[in-house]
Amino acid sequence: MSEDELRRRLEELERKVARIGELEAEVARLREDAASTRTLASMADRDVAEMRTTMRGHTQVLNALRETQLEHGQVL
């Protein structure tokens, strides 16, 4: 194998090693992004559950008010 061929192969190998390093860094960043996304999704889920509880309470109050108004309407 000639020196030029060896040099070419070495340069190619060095490029591949550099690319592997870039990919490893990108994978680490993506893992961090995924962890952040899971945290945000968890917080959003809690917010939705809290909102549902609040809406359920409002619905119960409105239903009670309706019943009271119907009773008053019958009295009048």
N, C-alpha and C. Protein backbone atom coordinates (compact mmCIF):
# COMPACT_ATOMS: atom_id res chain seq x y z
N MET A 1 0.85 -1.17 0.00
CA MET A 1 0.00 0.00 0.00
C MET A 1 0.90 1.23 0.00
N SER A 2 0.56 2.20 -0.82
CA SER A 2 1.41 3.39 -0.96
C SER A 2 1.20 4.35 0.22
N GLU A 3 2.15 5.27 0.35
CA GLU A 3 2.05 6.27 1.42
C GLU A 3 0.83 7.15 1.24
N ASP A 4 0.54 7.50 0.01
CA ASP A 4 -0.64 8.34 -0.27
C ASP A 4 -1.92 7.62 0.15
N GLU A 5 -1.98 6.34 -0.15
CA GLU A 5 -3.17 5.55 0.24
C GLU A 5 -3.28 5.48 1.76
N LEU A 6 -2.16 5.27 2.44
CA LEU A 6 -2.17 5.22 3.90
C LEU A 6 -2.60 6.57 4.49
N ARG A 7 -2.07 7.65 3.92
CA ARG A 7 -2.43 9.00 4.38
C ARG A 7 -3.93 9.25 4.18
N ARG A 8 -4.44 8.86 3.04
CA ARG A 8 -5.86 9.04 2.74
C ARG A 8 -6.72 8.26 3.74
N ARG A 9 -6.32 7.03 4.01
CA ARG A 9 -7.07 6.20 4.95
C ARG A 9 -7.01 6.77 6.37
N LEU A 10 -5.85 7.28 6.74
CA LEU A 10 -5.69 7.88 8.06
C LEU A 10 -6.58 9.12 8.19
N GLU A 11 -6.58 9.96 7.17
CA GLU A 11 -7.43 11.16 7.19
C GLU A 11 -8.91 10.78 7.28
N GLU A 12 -9.28 9.77 6.54
CA GLU A 12 -10.66 9.29 6.57
C GLU A 12 -11.01 8.78 7.97
N LEU A 13 -10.10 8.04 8.56
CA LEU A 13 -10.31 7.52 9.92
C LEU A 13 -10.42 8.67 10.92
N GLU A 14 -9.57 9.67 10.79
CA GLU A 14 -9.62 10.84 11.68
C GLU A 14 -10.95 11.58 11.54
N ARG A 15 -11.45 11.71 10.31
CA ARG A 15 -12.77 12.35 10.09
C ARG A 15 -13.88 11.55 10.76
N LYS A 16 -13.78 10.23 10.65
CA LYS A 16 -14.80 9.37 11.26
C LYS A 16 -14.77 9.48 12.79
N VAL A 17 -13.56 9.53 13.36
CA VAL A 17 -13.42 9.66 14.81
C VAL A 17 -14.00 11.00 15.25
N ALA A 18 -13.72 12.06 14.50
CA ALA A 18 -14.27 13.37 14.83
C ALA A 18 -15.80 13.35 14.74
N ARG A 19 -16.32 12.70 13.73
CA ARG A 19 -17.79 12.61 13.56
C ARG A 19 -18.40 11.83 14.71
N ILE A 20 -17.75 10.78 15.14
CA ILE A 20 -18.25 9.99 16.29
C ILE A 20 -18.30 10.87 17.53
N GLY A 21 -17.28 11.70 17.73
CA GLY A 21 -17.28 12.62 18.86
C GLY A 21 -18.44 13.60 18.79
N GLU A 22 -18.71 14.13 17.59
CA GLU A 22 -19.84 15.04 17.40
C GLU A 22 -21.16 14.34 17.70
N LEU A 23 -21.29 13.12 17.22
CA LEU A 23 -22.52 12.37 17.44
C LEU A 23 -22.73 12.06 18.92
N GLU A 24 -21.65 11.73 19.62
CA GLU A 24 -21.76 11.46 21.05
C GLU A 24 -22.23 12.70 21.81
N ALA A 25 -21.70 13.86 21.42
CA ALA A 25 -22.11 15.12 22.05
C ALA A 25 -23.58 15.41 21.75
N GLU A 26 -24.00 15.14 20.52
CA GLU A 26 -25.40 15.37 20.15
C GLU A 26 -26.33 14.43 20.91
N VAL A 27 -25.93 13.19 21.07
CA VAL A 27 -26.74 12.23 21.83
C VAL A 27 -26.89 12.69 23.28
N ALA A 28 -25.81 13.19 23.86
CA ALA A 28 -25.88 13.69 25.24
C ALA A 28 -26.84 14.87 25.34
N ARG A 29 -26.79 15.78 24.37
CA ARG A 29 -27.70 16.93 24.36
C ARG A 29 -29.15 16.47 24.18
N LEU A 30 -29.36 15.51 23.32
CA LEU A 30 -30.71 15.00 23.10
C LEU A 30 -31.26 14.30 24.33
N ARG A 31 -30.41 13.62 25.08
CA ARG A 31 -30.84 12.99 26.32
C ARG A 31 -31.28 14.05 27.33
N GLU A 32 -30.53 15.14 27.41
CA GLU A 32 -30.91 16.24 28.30
C GLU A 32 -32.24 16.84 27.86
N ASP A 33 -32.41 17.03 26.56
CA ASP A 33 -33.67 17.57 26.03
C ASP A 33 -34.83 16.64 26.36
N ALA A 34 -34.61 15.35 26.22
CA ALA A 34 -35.67 14.38 26.51
C ALA A 34 -36.05 14.43 27.99
N ALA A 35 -35.05 14.55 28.86
CA ALA A 35 -35.33 14.64 30.30
C ALA A 35 -36.12 15.90 30.61
N SER A 36 -35.75 17.02 29.99
CA SER A 36 -36.49 18.27 30.18
C SER A 36 -37.92 18.14 29.67
N THR A 37 -38.08 17.49 28.55
CA THR A 37 -39.41 17.30 27.98
C THR A 37 -40.28 16.46 28.90
N ARG A 38 -39.71 15.41 29.46
CA ARG A 38 -40.48 14.58 30.40
C ARG A 38 -40.90 15.38 31.62
N THR A 39 -40.01 16.22 32.12
CA THR A 39 -40.33 17.06 33.28
C THR A 39 -41.46 18.02 32.95
N LEU A 40 -41.39 18.67 31.80
CA LEU A 40 -42.44 19.60 31.40
C LEU A 40 -43.77 18.89 31.20
N ALA A 41 -43.73 17.71 30.61
CA ALA A 41 -44.97 16.95 30.40
C ALA A 41 -45.58 16.56 31.74
N SER A 42 -44.76 16.21 32.69
CA SER A 42 -45.25 15.84 34.01
C SER A 42 -45.91 17.04 34.69
N MET A 43 -45.27 18.20 34.58
CA MET A 43 -45.85 19.41 35.18
C MET A 43 -47.16 19.79 34.49
N ALA A 44 -47.22 19.65 33.18
CA ALA A 44 -48.44 19.96 32.44
C ALA A 44 -49.56 19.00 32.85
N ASP A 45 -49.22 17.74 33.07
CA ASP A 45 -50.21 16.75 33.49
C ASP A 45 -50.80 17.14 34.85
N ARG A 46 -49.94 17.58 35.76
CA ARG A 46 -50.42 18.02 37.08
C ARG A 46 -51.31 19.25 36.95
N ASP A 47 -50.91 20.18 36.07
CA ASP A 47 -51.72 21.39 35.87
C ASP A 47 -53.10 21.03 35.33
N VAL A 48 -53.15 20.10 34.39
CA VAL A 48 -54.43 19.68 33.82
C VAL A 48 -55.30 19.01 34.88
N ALA A 49 -54.70 18.18 35.71
CA ALA A 49 -55.45 17.51 36.77
C ALA A 49 -56.01 18.54 37.74
N GLU A 50 -55.22 19.54 38.07
CA GLU A 50 -55.68 20.59 38.98
C GLU A 50 -56.83 21.38 38.35
N MET A 51 -56.70 21.66 37.06
CA MET A 51 -57.76 22.40 36.36
C MET A 51 -59.05 21.59 36.31
N ARG A 52 -58.94 20.29 36.08
CA ARG A 52 -60.13 19.43 36.07
C ARG A 52 -60.83 19.46 37.42
N THR A 53 -60.04 19.41 38.49
CA THR A 53 -60.61 19.45 39.84
C THR A 53 -61.34 20.77 40.05
N THR A 54 -60.72 21.86 39.62
CA THR A 54 -61.35 23.17 39.75
C THR A 54 -62.63 23.25 38.95
N MET A 55 -62.59 22.77 37.72
CA MET A 55 -63.79 22.80 36.87
C MET A 55 -64.90 21.93 37.46
N ARG A 56 -64.55 20.79 38.02
CA ARG A 56 -65.52 19.92 38.65
C ARG A 56 -66.20 20.65 39.81
N GLY A 57 -65.41 21.39 40.60
CA GLY A 57 -65.96 22.16 41.70
C GLY A 57 -66.89 23.25 41.20
N HIS A 58 -66.50 23.95 40.14
CA HIS A 58 -67.37 24.99 39.57
C HIS A 58 -68.68 24.39 39.07
N THR A 59 -68.59 23.26 38.43
CA THR A 59 -69.80 22.60 37.92
C THR A 59 -70.74 22.23 39.06
N GLN A 60 -70.18 21.74 40.15
CA GLN A 60 -71.02 21.38 41.31
C GLN A 60 -71.70 22.61 41.89
N VAL A 61 -70.98 23.73 41.97
CA VAL A 61 -71.57 24.97 42.49
C VAL A 61 -72.68 25.44 41.56
N LEU A 62 -72.43 25.41 40.26
CA LEU A 62 -73.47 25.84 39.30
C LEU A 62 -74.70 24.94 39.36
N ASN A 63 -74.48 23.64 39.50
CA ASN A 63 -75.62 22.72 39.62
C ASN A 63 -76.42 23.00 40.90
N ALA A 64 -75.73 23.28 41.99
CA ALA A 64 -76.42 23.59 43.24
C ALA A 64 -77.19 24.89 43.10
N LEU A 65 -76.61 25.88 42.45
CA LEU A 65 -77.29 27.15 42.21
C LEU A 65 -78.54 26.94 41.35
N ARG A 66 -78.44 26.10 40.36
CA ARG A 66 -79.59 25.80 39.49
C ARG A 66 -80.72 25.18 40.32
N GLU A 67 -80.35 24.22 41.15
CA GLU A 67 -81.37 23.58 41.99
C GLU A 67 -82.06 24.61 42.90
N THR A 68 -81.26 25.48 43.46
CA THR A 68 -81.82 26.52 44.34
C THR A 68 -82.75 27.43 43.55
N GLN A 69 -82.36 27.82 42.36
CA GLN A 69 -83.20 28.70 41.55
C GLN A 69 -84.51 27.97 41.17
N LEU A 70 -84.44 26.70 40.85
CA LEU A 70 -85.65 25.94 40.52
C LEU A 70 -86.60 25.88 41.74
N GLU A 71 -86.04 25.67 42.91
CA GLU A 71 -86.83 25.62 44.14
C GLU A 71 -87.49 26.99 44.39
N HIS A 72 -86.72 28.06 44.22
CA HIS A 72 -87.28 29.40 44.41
C HIS A 72 -88.34 29.69 43.37
N GLY A 73 -88.12 29.24 42.17
CA GLY A 73 -89.12 29.44 41.11
C GLY A 73 -90.44 28.73 41.45
N GLN A 74 -90.37 27.56 42.04
CA GLN A 74 -91.59 26.83 42.43
C GLN A 74 -92.31 27.53 43.56
N VAL A 75 -91.51 28.10 44.49
CA VAL A 75 -92.11 28.81 45.61
C VAL A 75 -92.85 30.05 45.13
N LEU A 76 -92.25 30.76 44.20
CA LEU A 76 -92.87 31.98 43.68
C LEU A 76 -94.06 31.61 42.81
